Amino acid sequence: MKRKPERPKLPKGEAKGKIVPIRFTKAEAARLAETAEASDQNVSEWIHRAVLAALEDERFCSKP
């Protein structure tokens, strides 16, 4: 069986080094998929951007 071509490696220092597993309910996952699709992004891209935006927002980073 012929192997599929692999994704080209990114230059050193450009690869993202940490994967963070996260779980969603079926309803949450469906809502994420719909929202990401409406934004022309895949779910992973949408979550990544949303988290980075939240990190820039003081309301999400301050303790109550």
PDB file of N, CA and C in Angstrom:
ATOM      1  N   MET A   1       0.843  -1.179   0.000  1.00  0.00           N
ATOM      2  CA  MET A   1       0.000   0.000   0.000  1.00  0.00           C
ATOM      3  C   MET A   1       0.887   1.240   0.000  1.00  0.00           C
ATOM      4  N   LYS A   2       0.562   2.167  -0.880  1.00  0.00           N
ATOM      5  CA  LYS A   2       1.347   3.387  -1.004  1.00  0.00           C
ATOM      6  C   LYS A   2       0.960   4.385   0.085  1.00  0.00           C
ATOM      7  N   ARG A   3       1.971   4.970   0.733  1.00  0.00           N
ATOM      8  CA  ARG A   3       1.710   5.946   1.796  1.00  0.00           C
ATOM      9  C   ARG A   3       1.323   7.289   1.203  1.00  0.00           C
ATOM     10  N   LYS A   4       0.450   8.002   1.917  1.00  0.00           N
ATOM     11  CA  LYS A   4       0.080   9.343   1.506  1.00  0.00           C
ATOM     12  C   LYS A   4       1.265  10.264   1.734  1.00  0.00           C
ATOM     13  N   PRO A   5       1.393  11.293   0.903  1.00  0.00           N
ATOM     14  CA  PRO A   5       2.479  12.246   1.154  1.00  0.00           C
ATOM     15  C   PRO A   5       2.234  12.965   2.474  1.00  0.00           C
ATOM     16  N   GLU A   6       3.295  13.202   3.207  1.00  0.00           N
ATOM     17  CA  GLU A   6       3.176  13.883   4.496  1.00  0.00           C
ATOM     18  C   GLU A   6       3.124  15.389   4.303  1.00  0.00           C
ATOM     19  N   ARG A   7       2.589  16.052   5.318  1.00  0.00           N
ATOM     20  CA  ARG A   7       2.575  17.505   5.314  1.00  0.00           C
ATOM     21  C   ARG A   7       4.019  17.997   5.401  1.00  0.00           C
ATOM     22  N   PRO A   8       4.375  19.024   4.628  1.00  0.00           N
ATOM     23  CA  PRO A   8       5.742  19.551   4.730  1.00  0.00           C
ATOM     24  C   PRO A   8       6.011  20.107   6.126  1.00  0.00           C
ATOM     25  N   LYS A   9       7.203  19.905   6.612  1.00  0.00           N
ATOM     26  CA  LYS A   9       7.556  20.407   7.942  1.00  0.00           C
ATOM     27  C   LYS A   9       7.726  21.917   7.895  1.00  0.00           C
ATOM     28  N   LEU A  10       7.282  22.565   8.979  1.00  0.00           N
ATOM     29  CA  LEU A  10       7.457  24.009   9.097  1.00  0.00           C
ATOM     30  C   LEU A  10       8.896  24.316   9.492  1.00  0.00           C
ATOM     31  N   PRO A  11       9.384  25.502   9.118  1.00  0.00           N
ATOM     32  CA  PRO A  11      10.722  25.890   9.545  1.00  0.00           C
ATOM     33  C   PRO A  11      10.828  25.880  11.065  1.00  0.00           C
ATOM     34  N   LYS A  12      12.028  25.650  11.561  1.00  0.00           N
ATOM     35  CA  LYS A  12      12.249  25.577  13.000  1.00  0.00           C
ATOM     36  C   LYS A  12      11.758  26.846  13.687  1.00  0.00           C
ATOM     37  N   GLY A  13      11.022  26.655  14.763  1.00  0.00           N
ATOM     38  CA  GLY A  13      10.506  27.769  15.535  1.00  0.00           C
ATOM     39  C   GLY A  13       9.121  28.246  15.104  1.00  0.00           C
ATOM     40  N   GLU A  14       8.611  27.766  13.961  1.00  0.00           N
ATOM     41  CA  GLU A  14       7.300  28.195  13.488  1.00  0.00           C
ATOM     42  C   GLU A  14       6.184  27.237  13.861  1.00  0.00           C
ATOM     43  N   ALA A  15       6.536  26.012  14.201  1.00  0.00           N
ATOM     44  CA  ALA A  15       5.511  25.024  14.543  1.00  0.00           C
ATOM     45  C   ALA A  15       4.923  25.340  15.915  1.00  0.00           C
ATOM     46  N   LYS A  16       3.630  25.085  16.044  1.00  0.00           N
ATOM     47  CA  LYS A  16       2.999  25.245  17.355  1.00  0.00           C
ATOM     48  C   LYS A  16       3.343  24.006  18.156  1.00  0.00           C
ATOM     49  N   GLY A  17       3.788  24.187  19.380  1.00  0.00           N
ATOM     50  CA  GLY A  17       4.346  23.082  20.132  1.00  0.00           C
ATOM     51  C   GLY A  17       3.458  22.433  21.169  1.00  0.00           C
ATOM     52  N   LYS A  18       2.253  22.912  21.398  1.00  0.00           N
ATOM     53  CA  LYS A  18       1.433  22.371  22.473  1.00  0.00           C
ATOM     54  C   LYS A  18       0.021  22.116  21.974  1.00  0.00           C
ATOM     55  N   ILE A  19      -0.461  20.915  22.195  1.00  0.00           N
ATOM     56  CA  ILE A  19      -1.843  20.555  21.884  1.00  0.00           C
ATOM     57  C   ILE A  19      -2.603  20.497  23.196  1.00  0.00           C
ATOM     58  N   VAL A  20      -3.757  21.152  23.245  1.00  0.00           N
ATOM     59  CA  VAL A  20      -4.569  21.195  24.459  1.00  0.00           C
ATOM     60  C   VAL A  20      -5.895  20.486  24.183  1.00  0.00           C
ATOM     61  N   PRO A  21      -6.068  19.295  24.744  1.00  0.00           N
ATOM     62  CA  PRO A  21      -7.341  18.599  24.533  1.00  0.00           C
ATOM     63  C   PRO A  21      -8.478  19.316  25.263  1.00  0.00           C
ATOM     64  N   ILE A  22      -9.632  19.349  24.636  1.00  0.00           N
ATOM     65  CA  ILE A  22     -10.800  19.989  25.242  1.00  0.00           C
ATOM     66  C   ILE A  22     -12.034  19.201  24.811  1.00  0.00           C
ATOM     67  N   ARG A  23     -13.008  19.103  25.697  1.00  0.00           N
ATOM     68  CA  ARG A  23     -14.220  18.348  25.399  1.00  0.00           C
ATOM     69  C   ARG A  23     -15.422  19.278  25.354  1.00  0.00           C
ATOM     70  N   PHE A  24     -16.337  18.981  24.438  1.00  0.00           N
ATOM     71  CA  PHE A  24     -17.577  19.722  24.301  1.00  0.00           C
ATOM     72  C   PHE A  24     -18.733  18.742  24.245  1.00  0.00           C
ATOM     73  N   THR A  25     -19.904  19.188  24.660  1.00  0.00           N
ATOM     74  CA  THR A  25     -21.099  18.374  24.481  1.00  0.00           C
ATOM     75  C   THR A  25     -21.408  18.340  22.976  1.00  0.00           C
ATOM     76  N   LYS A  26     -22.306  17.456  22.574  1.00  0.00           N
ATOM     77  CA  LYS A  26     -22.693  17.389  21.160  1.00  0.00           C
ATOM     78  C   LYS A  26     -23.278  18.717  20.703  1.00  0.00           C
ATOM     79  N   ALA A  27     -24.098  19.314  21.548  1.00  0.00           N
ATOM     80  CA  ALA A  27     -24.717  20.594  21.196  1.00  0.00           C
ATOM     81  C   ALA A  27     -23.663  21.694  21.064  1.00  0.00           C
ATOM     82  N   GLU A  28     -22.711  21.724  21.990  1.00  0.00           N
ATOM     83  CA  GLU A  28     -21.643  22.735  21.925  1.00  0.00           C
ATOM     84  C   GLU A  28     -20.793  22.535  20.681  1.00  0.00           C
ATOM     85  N   ALA A  29     -20.455  21.285  20.379  1.00  0.00           N
ATOM     86  CA  ALA A  29     -19.629  20.986  19.204  1.00  0.00           C
ATOM     87  C   ALA A  29     -20.348  21.384  17.922  1.00  0.00           C
ATOM     88  N   ALA A  30     -21.667  21.142  17.869  1.00  0.00           N
ATOM     89  CA  ALA A  30     -22.439  21.531  16.694  1.00  0.00           C
ATOM     90  C   ALA A  30     -22.458  23.049  16.536  1.00  0.00           C
ATOM     91  N   ARG A  31     -22.626  23.741  17.655  1.00  0.00           N
ATOM     92  CA  ARG A  31     -22.637  25.207  17.612  1.00  0.00           C
ATOM     93  C   ARG A  31     -21.276  25.751  17.188  1.00  0.00           C
ATOM     94  N   LEU A  32     -20.207  25.158  17.698  1.00  0.00           N
ATOM     95  CA  LEU A  32     -18.856  25.559  17.285  1.00  0.00           C
ATOM     96  C   LEU A  32     -18.661  25.351  15.789  1.00  0.00           C
ATOM     97  N   ALA A  33     -19.071  24.197  15.289  1.00  0.00           N
ATOM     98  CA  ALA A  33     -18.908  23.891  13.867  1.00  0.00           C
ATOM     99  C   ALA A  33     -19.676  24.885  12.996  1.00  0.00           C
ATOM    100  N   GLU A  34     -20.902  25.201  13.388  1.00  0.00           N
ATOM    101  CA  GLU A  34     -21.716  26.166  12.638  1.00  0.00           C
ATOM    102  C   GLU A  34     -21.072  27.549  12.647  1.00  0.00           C
ATOM    103  N   THR A  35     -20.615  27.961  13.813  1.00  0.00           N
ATOM    104  CA  THR A  35     -20.006  29.284  13.948  1.00  0.00           C
ATOM    105  C   THR A  35     -18.711  29.377  13.158  1.00  0.00           C
ATOM    106  N   ALA A  36     -17.886  28.342  13.249  1.00  0.00           N
ATOM    107  CA  ALA A  36     -16.625  28.332  12.507  1.00  0.00           C
ATOM    108  C   ALA A  36     -16.881  28.355  11.010  1.00  0.00           C
ATOM    109  N   GLU A  37     -17.836  27.548  10.547  1.00  0.00           N
ATOM    110  CA  GLU A  37     -18.150  27.504   9.118  1.00  0.00           C
ATOM    111  C   GLU A  37     -18.637  28.865   8.631  1.00  0.00           C
ATOM    112  N   ALA A  38     -19.459  29.531   9.428  1.00  0.00           N
ATOM    113  CA  ALA A  38     -19.954  30.857   9.062  1.00  0.00           C
ATOM    114  C   ALA A  38     -18.824  31.876   8.969  1.00  0.00           C
ATOM    115  N   SER A  39     -17.729  31.609   9.664  1.00  0.00           N
ATOM    116  CA  SER A  39     -16.554  32.494   9.656  1.00  0.00           C
ATOM    117  C   SER A  39     -15.502  32.037   8.649  1.00  0.00           C
ATOM    118  N   ASP A  40     -15.840  31.029   7.833  1.00  0.00           N
ATOM    119  CA  ASP A  40     -14.894  30.458   6.858  1.00  0.00           C
ATOM    120  C   ASP A  40     -13.620  29.951   7.513  1.00  0.00           C
ATOM    121  N   GLN A  41     -13.778  29.308   8.676  1.00  0.00           N
ATOM    122  CA  GLN A  41     -12.647  28.717   9.390  1.00  0.00           C
ATOM    123  C   GLN A  41     -13.028  27.298   9.791  1.00  0.00           C
ATOM    124  N   ASN A  42     -12.008  26.476  10.083  1.00  0.00           N
ATOM    125  CA  ASN A  42     -12.343  25.186  10.673  1.00  0.00           C
ATOM    126  C   ASN A  42     -12.463  25.404  12.182  1.00  0.00           C
ATOM    127  N   VAL A  43     -12.980  24.407  12.883  1.00  0.00           N
ATOM    128  CA  VAL A  43     -13.244  24.553  14.320  1.00  0.00           C
ATOM    129  C   VAL A  43     -11.961  24.885  15.074  1.00  0.00           C
ATOM    130  N   SER A  44     -10.875  24.213  14.756  1.00  0.00           N
ATOM    131  CA  SER A  44      -9.612  24.455  15.452  1.00  0.00           C
ATOM    132  C   SER A  44      -9.148  25.904  15.284  1.00  0.00           C
ATOM    133  N   GLU A  45      -9.215  26.412  14.065  1.00  0.00           N
ATOM    134  CA  GLU A  45      -8.819  27.802  13.818  1.00  0.00           C
ATOM    135  C   GLU A  45      -9.711  28.769  14.593  1.00  0.00           C
ATOM    136  N   TRP A  46     -11.016  28.492  14.581  1.00  0.00           N
ATOM    137  CA  TRP A  46     -11.950  29.382  15.266  1.00  0.00           C
ATOM    138  C   TRP A  46     -11.676  29.411  16.762  1.00  0.00           C
ATOM    139  N   ILE A  47     -11.497  28.239  17.370  1.00  0.00           N
ATOM    140  CA  ILE A  47     -11.211  28.165  18.808  1.00  0.00           C
ATOM    141  C   ILE A  47      -9.906  28.884  19.116  1.00  0.00           C
ATOM    142  N   HIS A  48      -8.881  28.659  18.309  1.00  0.00           N
ATOM    143  CA  HIS A  48      -7.572  29.290  18.526  1.00  0.00           C
ATOM    144  C   HIS A  48      -7.711  30.809  18.536  1.00  0.00           C
ATOM    145  N   ARG A  49      -8.394  31.347  17.532  1.00  0.00           N
ATOM    146  CA  ARG A  49      -8.566  32.799  17.472  1.00  0.00           C
ATOM    147  C   ARG A  49      -9.411  33.327  18.629  1.00  0.00           C
ATOM    148  N   ALA A  50     -10.457  32.590  19.003  1.00  0.00           N
ATOM    149  CA  ALA A  50     -11.322  33.020  20.102  1.00  0.00           C
ATOM    150  C   ALA A  50     -10.551  33.056  21.420  1.00  0.00           C
ATOM    151  N   VAL A  51      -9.723  32.059  21.656  1.00  0.00           N
ATOM    152  CA  VAL A  51      -8.939  32.021  22.895  1.00  0.00           C
ATOM    153  C   VAL A  51      -7.929  33.159  22.914  1.00  0.00           C
ATOM    154  N   LEU A  52      -7.251  33.390  21.793  1.00  0.00           N
ATOM    155  CA  LEU A  52      -6.285  34.491  21.748  1.00  0.00           C
ATOM    156  C   LEU A  52      -6.984  35.833  21.968  1.00  0.00           C
ATOM    157  N   ALA A  53      -8.174  36.009  21.411  1.00  0.00           N
ATOM    158  CA  ALA A  53      -8.932  37.247  21.626  1.00  0.00           C
ATOM    159  C   ALA A  53      -9.312  37.391  23.097  1.00  0.00           C
ATOM    160  N   ALA A  54      -9.708  36.290  23.724  1.00  0.00           N
ATOM    161  CA  ALA A  54     -10.068  36.327  25.148  1.00  0.00           C
ATOM    162  C   ALA A  54      -8.858  36.689  26.001  1.00  0.00           C
ATOM    163  N   LEU A  55      -7.691  36.214  25.625  1.00  0.00           N
ATOM    164  CA  LEU A  55      -6.474  36.538  26.387  1.00  0.00           C
ATOM    165  C   LEU A  55      -6.149  38.025  26.327  1.00  0.00           C
ATOM    166  N   GLU A  56      -6.547  38.680  25.254  1.00  0.00           N
ATOM    167  CA  GLU A  56      -6.311  40.116  25.115  1.00  0.00           C
ATOM    168  C   GLU A  56      -7.356  40.943  25.857  1.00  0.00           C
ATOM    169  N   ASP A  57      -8.452  40.315  26.233  1.00  0.00           N
ATOM    170  CA  ASP A  57      -9.552  41.008  26.899  1.00  0.00           C
ATOM    171  C   ASP A  57      -9.388  40.870  28.412  1.00  0.00           C
ATOM    172  N   GLU A  58      -9.206  41.985  29.091  1.00  0.00           N
ATOM    173  CA  GLU A  58      -8.962  41.966  30.536  1.00  0.00           C
ATOM    174  C   GLU A  58     -10.086  41.299  31.317  1.00  0.00           C
ATOM    175  N   ARG A  59     -11.322  41.352  30.803  1.00  0.00           N
ATOM    176  CA  ARG A  59     -12.451  40.751  31.514  1.00  0.00           C
ATOM    177  C   ARG A  59     -12.270  39.240  31.683  1.00  0.00           C
ATOM    178  N   PHE A  60     -11.557  38.607  30.759  1.00  0.00           N
ATOM    179  CA  PHE A  60     -11.360  37.156  30.836  1.00  0.00           C
ATOM    180  C   PHE A  60     -10.132  36.775  31.660  1.00  0.00           C
ATOM    181  N   CYS A  61      -9.250  37.702  31.882  1.00  0.00           N
ATOM    182  CA  CYS A  61      -7.983  37.378  32.535  1.00  0.00           C
ATOM    183  C   CYS A  61      -7.874  37.846  33.980  1.00  0.00           C
ATOM    184  N   SER A  62      -8.841  38.625  34.437  1.00  0.00           N
ATOM    185  CA  SER A  62      -8.743  39.102  35.819  1.00  0.00           C
ATOM    186  C   SER A  62      -9.509  38.160  36.743  1.00  0.00           C
ATOM    187  N   LYS A  63      -9.033  38.074  37.972  1.00  0.00           N
ATOM    188  CA  LYS A  63      -9.696  37.248  38.964  1.00  0.00           C
ATOM    189  C   LYS A  63     -10.926  37.979  39.493  1.00  0.00           C
ATOM    190  N   PRO A  64     -11.998  37.253  39.813  1.00  0.00           N
ATOM    191  CA  PRO A  64     -13.225  37.910  40.311  1.00  0.00           C
ATOM    192  C   PRO A  64     -13.010  38.574  41.654  1.00  0.00           C
TER     193      PRO A  64
END
